[in-house]
Amino acid sequence: MKKIGDRISYEKHEGFFTVIVSTQIDKWKENLILFWLIAWTFCGATFIYYLFNGEINGNEKLTLFVMIIFWLYFEVRITRTYLWRRFGLEFIRIDEDRITIKKSIFGYGRALPIMTTQVKEIIPADLKDKSYAKVFNDSFWLIGKGTIHMITNDDNIYFGSQLEKNDSLKLSKELMKMVNSYR
């Protein structure tokens, strides 16, 4: 296997090409997300306890119920981000007729197949270095949209979560070269 940076490995096999993008981050960042998840779960457990066992009236119960819905939304998001950072991978496979991109946690995830004839261009995503979108997309507590932009006849697809600019450039060139060779 060849490598691009610390997180990307790729290999050309007989009849297809594969890329694996790791989602690993520094251990202290992973532990910070875990601490956030535990604290958020504790808050939600407290809300649920007081909803059912607290001595509160109807209006307060309604307010607490709405707050629990808000809490639950972010509980799912934080849990998914933690699992993505701990066990997630991005798989990219290119063969004669299609390119398949899959973001997976524990091997589960939805694969997105795109016909190679539909691919117009694969380039690094155009995010300005000091823009809000770039800073937000690179935040370690989010999964992120992706740093590689695939332009197809029907859609714009982003993948390669939070890759360095240089790594995105190298990977996008390698992917475009492989797509062109399989056409």
Protein backbone atom coordinates (compact mmCIF):
# COMPACT_ATOMS: atom_id res chain seq x y z
CA MET A 1 0.00 0.00 0.00
CA LYS A 2 1.14 3.50 -0.82
CA LYS A 3 0.45 6.41 1.51
CA ILE A 4 -0.44 10.06 1.18
CA GLY A 5 0.19 11.83 4.46
CA ASP A 6 -0.69 10.08 7.72
CA ARG A 7 -4.32 9.20 7.04
CA ILE A 8 -4.59 8.09 3.40
CA SER A 9 -3.53 4.74 1.97
CA TYR A 10 -4.21 3.47 -1.54
CA GLU A 11 -3.45 0.51 -3.75
CA LYS A 12 -4.00 -0.54 -7.33
CA HIS A 13 -5.33 -4.09 -7.56
CA GLU A 14 -6.07 -6.26 -10.58
CA GLY A 15 -9.13 -4.57 -12.11
CA PHE A 16 -9.80 -1.95 -9.43
CA PHE A 17 -8.26 0.78 -7.28
CA THR A 18 -8.93 1.33 -3.56
CA VAL A 19 -8.36 4.21 -1.16
CA ILE A 20 -8.84 4.17 2.61
CA VAL A 21 -9.05 7.46 4.50
CA SER A 22 -8.67 7.14 8.26
CA THR A 23 -10.64 9.44 10.57
CA GLN A 24 -8.22 9.22 13.49
CA ILE A 25 -7.45 12.38 15.47
CA ASP A 26 -5.12 13.12 18.37
CA LYS A 27 -5.92 11.11 21.50
CA TRP A 28 -6.54 14.24 23.61
CA LYS A 29 -9.15 15.43 21.09
CA GLU A 30 -10.84 12.02 21.11
CA ASN A 31 -10.88 12.05 24.92
CA LEU A 32 -12.37 15.55 24.90
CA ILE A 33 -15.23 14.37 22.66
CA LEU A 34 -15.76 11.38 24.99
CA PHE A 35 -15.86 13.69 28.03
CA TRP A 36 -18.39 15.91 26.22
CA LEU A 37 -20.50 12.84 25.39
CA ILE A 38 -20.47 11.61 29.00
CA ALA A 39 -21.34 15.06 30.39
CA TRP A 40 -24.14 15.52 27.83
CA THR A 41 -25.54 12.06 28.62
CA PHE A 42 -25.52 12.88 32.35
CA CYS A 43 -27.44 16.11 31.66
CA GLY A 44 -30.03 14.23 29.62
CA ALA A 45 -30.44 11.56 32.29
CA THR A 46 -31.08 14.34 34.81
CA PHE A 47 -33.70 15.93 32.54
CA ILE A 48 -35.47 12.59 32.05
CA TYR A 49 -35.38 11.84 35.79
CA TYR A 50 -37.04 15.17 36.63
CA LEU A 51 -39.59 14.77 33.84
CA PHE A 52 -40.92 11.54 35.37
CA ASN A 53 -40.01 11.84 39.08
CA GLY A 54 -39.79 15.55 39.75
CA GLU A 55 -42.55 17.53 41.35
CA ILE A 56 -43.23 19.91 38.49
CA ASN A 57 -46.44 21.21 36.94
CA GLY A 58 -47.79 20.90 33.39
CA ASN A 59 -46.07 23.93 31.84
CA GLU A 60 -42.73 22.97 33.35
CA LYS A 61 -43.18 19.39 32.09
CA LEU A 62 -43.83 20.68 28.59
CA THR A 63 -40.73 22.88 28.74
CA LEU A 64 -38.64 19.98 30.03
CA PHE A 65 -40.02 17.69 27.31
CA VAL A 66 -39.03 20.19 24.60
CA MET A 67 -35.59 20.47 26.20
CA ILE A 68 -35.22 16.67 26.14
CA ILE A 69 -36.00 16.62 22.41
CA PHE A 70 -33.27 19.23 21.89
CA TRP A 71 -30.92 17.21 24.09
CA LEU A 72 -31.67 13.96 22.21
CA TYR A 73 -30.84 15.53 18.83
CA PHE A 74 -27.39 16.57 20.04
CA GLU A 75 -26.86 13.29 21.92
CA VAL A 76 -27.21 11.43 18.62
CA ARG A 77 -24.89 13.89 16.86
CA ILE A 78 -22.19 13.69 19.55
CA THR A 79 -22.38 9.88 19.71
CA ARG A 80 -22.11 9.60 15.94
CA THR A 81 -19.12 11.96 15.87
CA TYR A 82 -17.35 10.04 18.63
CA LEU A 83 -17.92 6.71 16.87
CA TRP A 84 -16.82 8.25 13.55
CA ARG A 85 -13.59 9.54 15.10
CA ARG A 86 -12.89 6.30 16.94
CA PHE A 87 -13.99 3.62 14.44
CA GLY A 88 -14.81 5.38 11.15
CA LEU A 89 -13.21 5.04 7.73
CA GLU A 90 -13.86 6.35 4.25
CA PHE A 91 -13.56 3.75 1.50
CA ILE A 92 -13.20 4.72 -2.14
CA ARG A 93 -13.15 2.08 -4.87
CA ILE A 94 -12.75 2.71 -8.57
CA ASP A 95 -13.30 -0.01 -11.17
CA GLU A 96 -14.16 -0.15 -14.86
CA ASP A 97 -17.65 1.29 -14.64
CA ARG A 98 -18.04 3.10 -11.33
CA ILE A 99 -16.50 4.88 -8.40
CA THR A 100 -17.95 3.96 -5.01
CA ILE A 101 -17.59 6.13 -1.91
CA LYS A 102 -18.54 4.77 1.50
CA LYS A 103 -18.33 6.46 4.89
CA SER A 104 -18.50 3.67 7.43
CA ILE A 105 -18.54 3.16 11.17
CA PHE A 106 -17.75 -0.44 12.22
CA GLY A 107 -17.99 -1.33 8.51
CA TYR A 108 -21.60 -0.13 8.30
CA GLY A 109 -22.54 2.74 6.07
CA ARG A 110 -24.20 3.57 2.82
CA ALA A 111 -22.13 3.21 -0.33
CA LEU A 112 -22.62 5.87 -2.99
CA PRO A 113 -21.95 4.50 -6.48
CA ILE A 114 -21.22 6.94 -9.30
CA MET A 115 -20.67 5.90 -12.89
CA THR A 116 -17.16 6.86 -14.04
CA THR A 117 -18.64 8.27 -17.23
CA GLN A 118 -20.60 10.78 -15.10
CA VAL A 119 -17.46 12.16 -13.36
CA LYS A 120 -16.37 15.48 -14.82
CA GLU A 121 -13.73 16.55 -12.35
CA ILE A 122 -12.24 15.69 -8.94
CA ILE A 123 -10.61 18.68 -7.27
CA PRO A 124 -9.83 19.90 -3.75
CA ALA A 125 -12.81 21.71 -2.23
CA ASP A 126 -12.59 25.47 -2.61
CA LEU A 127 -12.59 26.65 1.00
CA LYS A 128 -10.72 29.85 1.77
CA ASP A 129 -8.09 29.38 4.49
CA LYS A 130 -9.56 31.85 6.97
CA SER A 131 -13.22 31.50 6.06
CA TYR A 132 -15.89 30.48 8.56
CA ALA A 133 -16.80 27.47 6.39
CA LYS A 134 -13.20 26.17 6.46
CA VAL A 135 -12.79 26.65 10.22
CA PHE A 136 -16.16 25.00 10.92
CA ASN A 137 -15.50 22.11 8.49
CA ASP A 138 -12.11 21.42 10.10
CA SER A 139 -13.43 21.38 13.69
CA PHE A 140 -12.55 18.07 15.30
CA TRP A 141 -15.90 17.79 17.10
CA LEU A 142 -17.70 17.55 13.73
CA ILE A 143 -17.62 14.94 11.01
CA GLY A 144 -17.16 17.58 8.34
CA LYS A 145 -18.37 17.88 4.77
CA GLY A 146 -15.20 16.83 3.00
CA THR A 147 -12.17 18.43 1.44
CA ILE A 148 -12.40 16.82 -2.01
CA HIS A 149 -15.08 17.93 -4.46
CA MET A 150 -16.29 15.55 -7.18
CA ILE A 151 -18.25 17.23 -9.92
CA THR A 152 -20.56 14.88 -11.82
CA ASN A 153 -23.24 15.42 -14.46
CA ASP A 154 -25.97 15.26 -11.79
CA ASP A 155 -24.46 16.24 -8.45
CA ASN A 156 -21.62 17.72 -6.42
CA ILE A 157 -20.16 15.22 -3.96
CA TYR A 158 -17.78 15.99 -1.11
CA PHE A 159 -15.62 13.41 0.65
CA GLY A 160 -12.23 13.13 2.36
CA SER A 161 -13.21 14.52 5.74
CA GLN A 162 -10.78 17.05 7.20
CA LEU A 163 -7.75 16.24 5.10
CA GLU A 164 -4.80 18.60 4.90
CA LYS A 165 -4.78 20.83 1.82
CA ASN A 166 -1.69 19.13 0.36
CA ASP A 167 -3.15 15.64 0.96
CA SER A 168 -6.44 16.65 -0.69
CA LEU A 169 -4.60 17.90 -3.74
CA LYS A 170 -2.51 14.73 -4.10
CA LEU A 171 -5.49 12.42 -3.54
CA SER A 172 -7.76 14.29 -5.97
CA LYS A 173 -5.07 14.10 -8.68
CA GLU A 174 -4.57 10.36 -8.06
CA LEU A 175 -8.33 9.69 -8.14
CA MET A 176 -8.83 11.66 -11.35
CA LYS A 177 -5.91 9.81 -12.96
CA MET A 178 -7.49 6.46 -12.00
CA VAL A 179 -10.98 7.47 -13.20
CA ASN A 180 -9.50 8.52 -16.55
CA SER A 181 -7.52 5.28 -16.87
CA TYR A 182 -10.66 3.14 -16.29
CA ARG A 183 -12.84 5.05 -18.79
